[in-house]
C-alpha atoms as a PDB file:
ATOM      1  CA  MET A   1     -13.934 -38.521  -5.938  1.00  0.00           C
ATOM      2  CA  ALA A   2     -14.729 -34.685  -5.966  1.00  0.00           C
ATOM      3  CA  ARG A   3     -15.131 -32.262  -8.494  1.00  0.00           C
ATOM      4  CA  LEU A   4     -14.233 -28.895  -9.462  1.00  0.00           C
ATOM      5  CA  THR A   5     -18.181 -28.105 -10.056  1.00  0.00           C
ATOM      6  CA  GLY A   6     -17.837 -24.439 -10.630  1.00  0.00           C
ATOM      7  CA  LEU A   7     -16.228 -21.168 -11.326  1.00  0.00           C
ATOM      8  CA  GLU A   8     -17.647 -18.188 -10.807  1.00  0.00           C
ATOM      9  CA  ARG A   9     -16.725 -14.552 -10.840  1.00  0.00           C
ATOM     10  CA  ASP A  10     -16.373 -12.755  -7.450  1.00  0.00           C
ATOM     11  CA  ALA A  11     -18.827  -9.260  -7.174  1.00  0.00           C
ATOM     12  CA  ARG A  12     -16.749  -8.226  -4.762  1.00  0.00           C
ATOM     13  CA  HIS A  13     -13.366  -8.483  -6.322  1.00  0.00           C
ATOM     14  CA  PRO A  14     -13.311  -7.889 -10.239  1.00  0.00           C
ATOM     15  CA  ASP A  15     -10.333 -10.393 -11.034  1.00  0.00           C
ATOM     16  CA  GLY A  16     -11.331 -12.206  -8.181  1.00  0.00           C
ATOM     17  CA  VAL A  17     -13.106 -16.008  -9.213  1.00  0.00           C
ATOM     18  CA  ARG A  18     -14.712 -18.278  -6.417  1.00  0.00           C
ATOM     19  CA  VAL A  19     -14.059 -21.662  -6.755  1.00  0.00           C
ATOM     20  CA  LEU A  20     -16.663 -24.322  -5.875  1.00  0.00           C
ATOM     21  CA  VAL A  21     -16.303 -28.073  -5.452  1.00  0.00           C
ATOM     22  CA  ASP A  22     -18.955 -30.312  -5.427  1.00  0.00           C
ATOM     23  CA  GLY A  23     -21.106 -27.287  -5.235  1.00  0.00           C
ATOM     24  CA  ARG A  24     -19.529 -25.654  -2.367  1.00  0.00           C
ATOM     25  CA  LEU A  25     -17.127 -22.813  -2.327  1.00  0.00           C
ATOM     26  CA  PHE A  26     -13.684 -24.193  -2.036  1.00  0.00           C
ATOM     27  CA  CYS A  27     -12.319 -20.620  -2.081  1.00  0.00           C
ATOM     28  CA  THR A  28     -11.200 -17.261  -4.113  1.00  0.00           C
ATOM     29  CA  LEU A  29      -8.415 -17.198  -5.708  1.00  0.00           C
ATOM     30  CA  ASN A  30      -7.152 -14.336  -8.557  1.00  0.00           C
ATOM     31  CA  GLU A  31      -8.199 -15.130 -12.818  1.00  0.00           C
ATOM     32  CA  ALA A  32      -4.479 -15.164 -12.896  1.00  0.00           C
ATOM     33  CA  ALA A  33      -4.154 -18.221 -10.224  1.00  0.00           C
ATOM     34  CA  LEU A  34      -6.487 -20.912 -12.554  1.00  0.00           C
ATOM     35  CA  GLY A  35      -4.264 -21.217 -15.807  1.00  0.00           C
ATOM     36  CA  GLU A  36      -1.234 -21.754 -13.050  1.00  0.00           C
ATOM     37  CA  LEU A  37      -2.969 -24.393 -11.397  1.00  0.00           C
ATOM     38  CA  GLY A  38      -5.006 -25.699 -14.259  1.00  0.00           C
ATOM     39  CA  LEU A  39      -8.339 -25.191 -12.864  1.00  0.00           C
ATOM     40  CA  ARG A  40     -11.533 -25.943 -15.421  1.00  0.00           C
ATOM     41  CA  VAL A  41     -14.629 -27.017 -14.475  1.00  0.00           C
ATOM     42  CA  GLY A  42     -15.247 -31.264 -14.367  1.00  0.00           C
ATOM     43  CA  VAL A  43     -11.331 -32.255 -13.143  1.00  0.00           C
ATOM     44  CA  GLU A  44     -10.958 -34.172 -10.286  1.00  0.00           C
ATOM     45  CA  TRP A  45     -10.092 -32.445  -6.952  1.00  0.00           C
ATOM     46  CA  THR A  46      -7.318 -34.433  -5.899  1.00  0.00           C
ATOM     47  CA  ALA A  47      -5.384 -33.554  -2.434  1.00  0.00           C
ATOM     48  CA  ASP A  48      -2.913 -32.144  -3.893  1.00  0.00           C
ATOM     49  CA  LEU A  49      -4.885 -29.637  -6.017  1.00  0.00           C
ATOM     50  CA  ALA A  50      -6.708 -28.831  -3.191  1.00  0.00           C
ATOM     51  CA  ALA A  51      -3.439 -27.983  -0.982  1.00  0.00           C
ATOM     52  CA  ARG A  52      -2.271 -25.967  -4.132  1.00  0.00           C
ATOM     53  CA  ALA A  53      -5.551 -24.071  -4.425  1.00  0.00           C
ATOM     54  CA  SER A  54      -5.372 -23.153  -0.379  1.00  0.00           C
ATOM     55  CA  ARG A  55      -1.842 -21.916  -0.687  1.00  0.00           C
ATOM     56  CA  ALA A  56      -2.484 -19.514  -4.012  1.00  0.00           C
ATOM     57  CA  ALA A  57      -5.881 -18.290  -1.955  1.00  0.00           C
ATOM     58  CA  ASP A  58      -3.958 -17.881   1.165  1.00  0.00           C
ATOM     59  CA  GLU A  59      -1.196 -15.332  -0.775  1.00  0.00           C
ATOM     60  CA  GLU A  60      -4.326 -13.740  -2.500  1.00  0.00           C
ATOM     61  CA  ALA A  61      -5.745 -13.170   0.682  1.00  0.00           C
ATOM     62  CA  ALA A  62      -2.709 -11.603   2.103  1.00  0.00           C
ATOM     63  CA  TRP A  63      -1.552  -9.664  -1.285  1.00  0.00           C
ATOM     64  CA  ARG A  64      -5.414  -8.010  -0.726  1.00  0.00           C
ATOM     65  CA  ALA A  65      -4.737  -7.313   2.765  1.00  0.00           C
ATOM     66  CA  ALA A  66      -1.492  -5.622   2.114  1.00  0.00           C
ATOM     67  CA  VAL A  67      -3.099  -3.227  -1.112  1.00  0.00           C
ATOM     68  CA  ALA A  68      -6.035  -2.309   1.204  1.00  0.00           C
ATOM     69  CA  ALA A  69      -3.064  -1.264   4.260  1.00  0.00           C
ATOM     70  CA  LEU A  70      -0.941   0.670   1.473  1.00  0.00           C
ATOM     71  CA  ALA A  71      -3.693   2.396   0.331  1.00  0.00           C
ATOM     72  CA  ARG A  72      -4.612   3.597   4.046  1.00  0.00           C
ATOM     73  CA  ARG A  73      -1.019   5.023   4.020  1.00  0.00           C
ATOM     74  CA  GLY A  74       2.743   3.886   3.818  1.00  0.00           C
ATOM     75  CA  HIS A  75       4.131   0.964   5.947  1.00  0.00           C
ATOM     76  CA  ALA A  76       7.681   0.220   6.229  1.00  0.00           C
ATOM     77  CA  VAL A  77       8.297  -3.279   4.746  1.00  0.00           C
ATOM     78  CA  GLU A  78       8.966  -5.349   7.698  1.00  0.00           C
ATOM     79  CA  GLU A  79       6.142  -3.018   9.436  1.00  0.00           C
ATOM     80  CA  LEU A  80       3.434  -4.515   7.043  1.00  0.00           C
ATOM     81  CA  ARG A  81       4.939  -8.173   7.029  1.00  0.00           C
ATOM     82  CA  ARG A  82       4.133  -8.311  10.903  1.00  0.00           C
ATOM     83  CA  ARG A  83       1.155  -6.714  10.426  1.00  0.00           C
ATOM     84  CA  LEU A  84      -0.385  -9.535   7.694  1.00  0.00           C
ATOM     85  CA  VAL A  85       1.275 -11.984  10.139  1.00  0.00           C
ATOM     86  CA  ARG A  86      -0.298 -10.510  13.081  1.00  0.00           C
ATOM     87  CA  ASN A  87      -3.733 -10.378  11.474  1.00  0.00           C
ATOM     88  CA  GLY A  88      -3.781 -13.763  10.518  1.00  0.00           C
ATOM     89  CA  HIS A  89      -2.285 -14.828   7.340  1.00  0.00           C
ATOM     90  CA  ARG A  90       0.779 -17.481   7.329  1.00  0.00           C
ATOM     91  CA  PRO A  91       4.291 -16.343   6.516  1.00  0.00           C
ATOM     92  CA  GLU A  92       4.782 -17.608   3.557  1.00  0.00           C
ATOM     93  CA  ALA A  93       1.975 -15.476   2.462  1.00  0.00           C
ATOM     94  CA  ALA A  94       2.521 -12.751   4.312  1.00  0.00           C
ATOM     95  CA  GLU A  95       6.064 -12.767   2.492  1.00  0.00           C
ATOM     96  CA  HIS A  96       3.971 -13.573  -0.879  1.00  0.00           C
ATOM     97  CA  ALA A  97       2.856 -10.290  -0.681  1.00  0.00           C
ATOM     98  CA  ILE A  98       5.605  -8.251   0.581  1.00  0.00           C
ATOM     99  CA  GLN A  99       7.329  -9.408  -2.561  1.00  0.00           C
ATOM    100  CA  ARG A 100       4.863  -8.956  -4.973  1.00  0.00           C
ATOM    101  CA  ALA A 101       4.733  -5.192  -3.035  1.00  0.00           C
ATOM    102  CA  LEU A 102       7.937  -4.738  -3.963  1.00  0.00           C
ATOM    103  CA  GLN A 103       7.983  -6.249  -7.586  1.00  0.00           C
ATOM    104  CA  ARG A 104       4.985  -3.319  -7.997  1.00  0.00           C
ATOM    105  CA  ARG A 105       7.552  -0.522  -6.162  1.00  0.00           C
ATOM    106  CA  LEU A 106       4.641  -0.255  -3.398  1.00  0.00           C
ATOM    107  CA  LEU A 107       6.971  -0.317  -0.864  1.00  0.00           C
ATOM    108  CA  ASP A 108      10.182   0.954  -0.511  1.00  0.00           C
ATOM    109  CA  ASP A 109      12.049   1.797   2.860  1.00  0.00           C
ATOM    110  CA  ALA A 110      14.191   4.958   1.526  1.00  0.00           C
ATOM    111  CA  ALA A 111      11.347   6.627   0.762  1.00  0.00           C
ATOM    112  CA  PHE A 112       9.606   5.760   3.465  1.00  0.00           C
ATOM    113  CA  ALA A 113      12.035   7.145   6.146  1.00  0.00           C
ATOM    114  CA  LEU A 114      12.043  10.136   3.989  1.00  0.00           C
ATOM    115  CA  ALA A 115       8.002  11.062   4.377  1.00  0.00           C
ATOM    116  CA  TYR A 116       7.654   9.746   8.126  1.00  0.00           C
ATOM    117  CA  VAL A 117      10.261  12.117   9.253  1.00  0.00           C
ATOM    118  CA  GLY A 118       9.439  14.556   6.921  1.00  0.00           C
ATOM    119  CA  SER A 119       6.017  14.523   8.235  1.00  0.00           C
ATOM    120  CA  ARG A 120       6.626  14.216  12.043  1.00  0.00           C
ATOM    121  CA  ALA A 121       9.822  16.370  12.271  1.00  0.00           C
ATOM    122  CA  PRO A 122       7.210  19.982  12.149  1.00  0.00           C
ATOM    123  CA  ARG A 123       5.138  18.066  14.960  1.00  0.00           C
ATOM    124  CA  GLY A 124       7.975  18.489  17.248  1.00  0.00           C
ATOM    125  CA  ARG A 125       9.843  15.246  17.078  1.00  0.00           C
ATOM    126  CA  GLY A 126      13.865  15.150  16.915  1.00  0.00           C
ATOM    127  CA  PRO A 127      16.309  13.251  15.809  1.00  0.00           C
ATOM    128  CA  ASP A 128      16.195  10.732  18.781  1.00  0.00           C
ATOM    129  CA  ARG A 129      13.030   9.873  18.956  1.00  0.00           C
ATOM    130  CA  LEU A 130      12.469   9.389  14.887  1.00  0.00           C
ATOM    131  CA  ARG A 131      15.537   6.697  15.275  1.00  0.00           C
ATOM    132  CA  ARG A 132      13.555   4.665  17.797  1.00  0.00           C
ATOM    133  CA  ASP A 133      10.492   5.040  15.963  1.00  0.00           C
ATOM    134  CA  LEU A 134      12.070   3.672  12.868  1.00  0.00           C
ATOM    135  CA  ALA A 135      13.974   1.192  13.935  1.00  0.00           C
ATOM    136  CA  CYS A 136      11.090  -0.335  15.648  1.00  0.00           C
ATOM    137  CA  LEU A 137       9.077  -0.423  11.995  1.00  0.00           C
ATOM    138  CA  GLY A 138      12.043  -2.384  10.591  1.00  0.00           C
ATOM    139  CA  VAL A 139      13.771   0.066   8.564  1.00  0.00           C
ATOM    140  CA  ALA A 140      17.616   0.023   8.097  1.00  0.00           C
ATOM    141  CA  ARG A 141      19.955   2.154   9.782  1.00  0.00           C
ATOM    142  CA  ASN A 142      21.395   3.398   6.564  1.00  0.00           C
ATOM    143  CA  HIS A 143      17.803   4.410   5.766  1.00  0.00           C
ATOM    144  CA  ILE A 144      17.272   5.931   8.766  1.00  0.00           C
ATOM    145  CA  GLU A 145      20.324   8.546   8.927  1.00  0.00           C
ATOM    146  CA  ARG A 146      19.736   9.839   5.147  1.00  0.00           C
ATOM    147  CA  ALA A 147      16.143  10.694   5.975  1.00  0.00           C
ATOM    148  CA  LEU A 148      17.864  12.228   9.198  1.00  0.00           C
ATOM    149  CA  GLN A 149      20.245  13.870   7.338  1.00  0.00           C
ATOM    150  CA  SER A 150      17.588  15.167   5.027  1.00  0.00           C
ATOM    151  CA  GLN A 151      15.555  16.983   7.273  1.00  0.00           C
ATOM    152  CA  TRP A 152      18.492  18.419   9.429  1.00  0.00           C
ATOM    153  CA  PRO A 153      21.577  18.581   6.918  1.00  0.00           C
ATOM    154  CA  GLU A 154      23.724  19.431  10.298  1.00  0.00           C
ATOM    155  CA  PRO A 155      23.221  18.386  13.320  1.00  0.00           C
ATOM    156  CA  GLU A 156      23.090  21.812  14.548  1.00  0.00           C
ATOM    157  CA  ASP A 157      20.116  22.209  12.314  1.00  0.00           C
ATOM    158  CA  ALA A 158      17.348  20.501  14.520  1.00  0.00           C
ATOM    159  CA  LEU A 159      18.069  22.936  17.393  1.00  0.00           C
ATOM    160  CA  SER A 160      15.540  25.115  16.837  1.00  0.00           C
ATOM    161  CA  LEU A 161      13.290  22.579  16.579  1.00  0.00           C
ATOM    162  CA  ALA A 162      14.496  21.529  20.436  1.00  0.00           C
ATOM    163  CA  ARG A 163      14.414  25.823  21.021  1.00  0.00           C
ATOM    164  CA  GLU A 164      10.989  26.235  20.023  1.00  0.00           C
ATOM    165  CA  LEU A 165       9.384  23.877  22.259  1.00  0.00           C
ATOM    166  CA  VAL A 166      11.792  24.285  25.272  1.00  0.00           C
ATOM    167  CA  LEU A 167      10.304  28.055  25.603  1.00  0.00           C
ATOM    168  CA  LYS A 168       6.814  26.876  25.128  1.00  0.00           C
ATOM    169  CA  ARG A 169       7.088  24.574  27.479  1.00  0.00           C
ATOM    170  CA  ALA A 170       9.069  26.365  30.019  1.00  0.00           C
ATOM    171  CA  ARG A 171       6.699  29.243  29.927  1.00  0.00           C
ATOM    172  CA  GLN A 172       4.371  26.520  30.722  1.00  0.00           C
ATOM    173  CA  LEU A 173       6.250  25.618  33.673  1.00  0.00           C
ATOM    174  CA  ARG A 174       6.858  28.819  34.750  1.00  0.00           C
ATOM    175  CA  ASP A 175       5.406  28.964  38.520  1.00  0.00           C
ATOM    176  CA  LEU A 176       7.347  25.817  39.484  1.00  0.00           C
ATOM    177  CA  PRO A 177      10.542  25.636  41.449  1.00  0.00           C
ATOM    178  CA  ARG A 178      13.701  26.120  38.792  1.00  0.00           C
ATOM    179  CA  GLU A 179      14.979  22.119  39.982  1.00  0.00           C
ATOM    180  CA  VAL A 180      11.699  20.792  38.965  1.00  0.00           C
ATOM    181  CA  ARG A 181      11.188  23.209  35.665  1.00  0.00           C
ATOM    182  CA  ARG A 182      14.265  21.470  34.997  1.00  0.00           C
ATOM    183  CA  ARG A 183      13.748  18.139  35.294  1.00  0.00           C
ATOM    184  CA  ARG A 184      10.564  18.205  33.555  1.00  0.00           C
ATOM    185  CA  LEU A 185      12.032  20.259  30.695  1.00  0.00           C
ATOM    186  CA  VAL A 186      14.853  17.807  30.328  1.00  0.00           C
ATOM    187  CA  ALA A 187      12.578  14.368  30.732  1.00  0.00           C
ATOM    188  CA  TYR A 188       9.678  16.082  27.676  1.00  0.00           C
ATOM    189  CA  LEU A 189      12.753  16.897  25.231  1.00  0.00           C
ATOM    190  CA  GLY A 190      13.828  13.360  25.781  1.00  0.00           C
ATOM    191  CA  ARG A 191      10.378  12.191  25.211  1.00  0.00           C
ATOM    192  CA  ARG A 192      10.321  14.209  22.610  1.00  0.00           C
ATOM    193  CA  GLY A 193      13.805  12.763  21.030  1.00  0.00           C
ATOM    194  CA  PHE A 194      16.425  15.862  22.003  1.00  0.00           C
ATOM    195  CA  SER A 195      19.021  14.576  24.141  1.00  0.00           C
ATOM    196  CA  GLY A 196      22.616  16.339  24.290  1.00  0.00           C
ATOM    197  CA  ARG A 197      25.071  19.035  25.975  1.00  0.00           C
ATOM    198  CA  PRO A 198      23.264  21.077  23.464  1.00  0.00           C
ATOM    199  CA  VAL A 199      19.741  20.232  24.820  1.00  0.00           C
ATOM    200  CA  ARG A 200      20.957  20.810  27.930  1.00  0.00           C
ATOM    201  CA  GLU A 201      21.990  24.211  27.432  1.00  0.00           C
ATOM    202  CA  LEU A 202      19.211  25.310  25.862  1.00  0.00           C
ATOM    203  CA  ILE A 203      17.424  24.359  29.010  1.00  0.00           C
ATOM    204  CA  SER A 204      19.862  26.582  31.365  1.00  0.00           C
ATOM    205  CA  ARG A 205      19.073  29.455  29.169  1.00  0.00           C
ATOM    206  CA  ALA A 206      15.113  29.219  29.203  1.00  0.00           C
ATOM    207  CA  LEU A 207      15.412  28.963  32.951  1.00  0.00           C
ATOM    208  CA  ARG A 208      17.460  32.315  33.102  1.00  0.00           C
ATOM    209  CA  GLU A 209      14.832  33.942  31.152  1.00  0.00           C
ATOM    210  CA  PRO A 210      11.928  35.689  32.948  1.00  0.00           C
END
């Protein structure tokens, strides 16, 4: 019968412990998991214990991957969940990491939406584009709308950014025929996230300018 023959510190992770079964590495666990699983050198390594240790190791690996991703940049909850699963972590382990991050307030979709809009609006992204982007990341509509309202308290407030974009782009297209310029400006602003009658009026005025 197999036995747990060693518990060694993992040099790569301060709180990690390498679990050796019959002298061979079985998995790496968080130190706190040792007590939860009742692991100590000499215990019989049953199939049930192996399954529980594997599950705990998967959860720890997903948690470390989540922390590493969040250290690089902020993530929406669903975005991070998809990322973990896409990178090979089991859905159950990914969910464990997500819940752990939520408990530690490392994830917050409302704050993420505010930061996302605040960093991208000055770079020329309009409300329509930001709605699409955040929805694709899995952010709830109420968080999206609050973030947009924080950036542009009134719907017309976004028009100043659209005006800057259309004037700059119109100058770049000034040598093209008028209708070609119009089509390209409509498409350009649409990609940027601006649409509707006020935007079309901005384009018409820009085309009248010399």
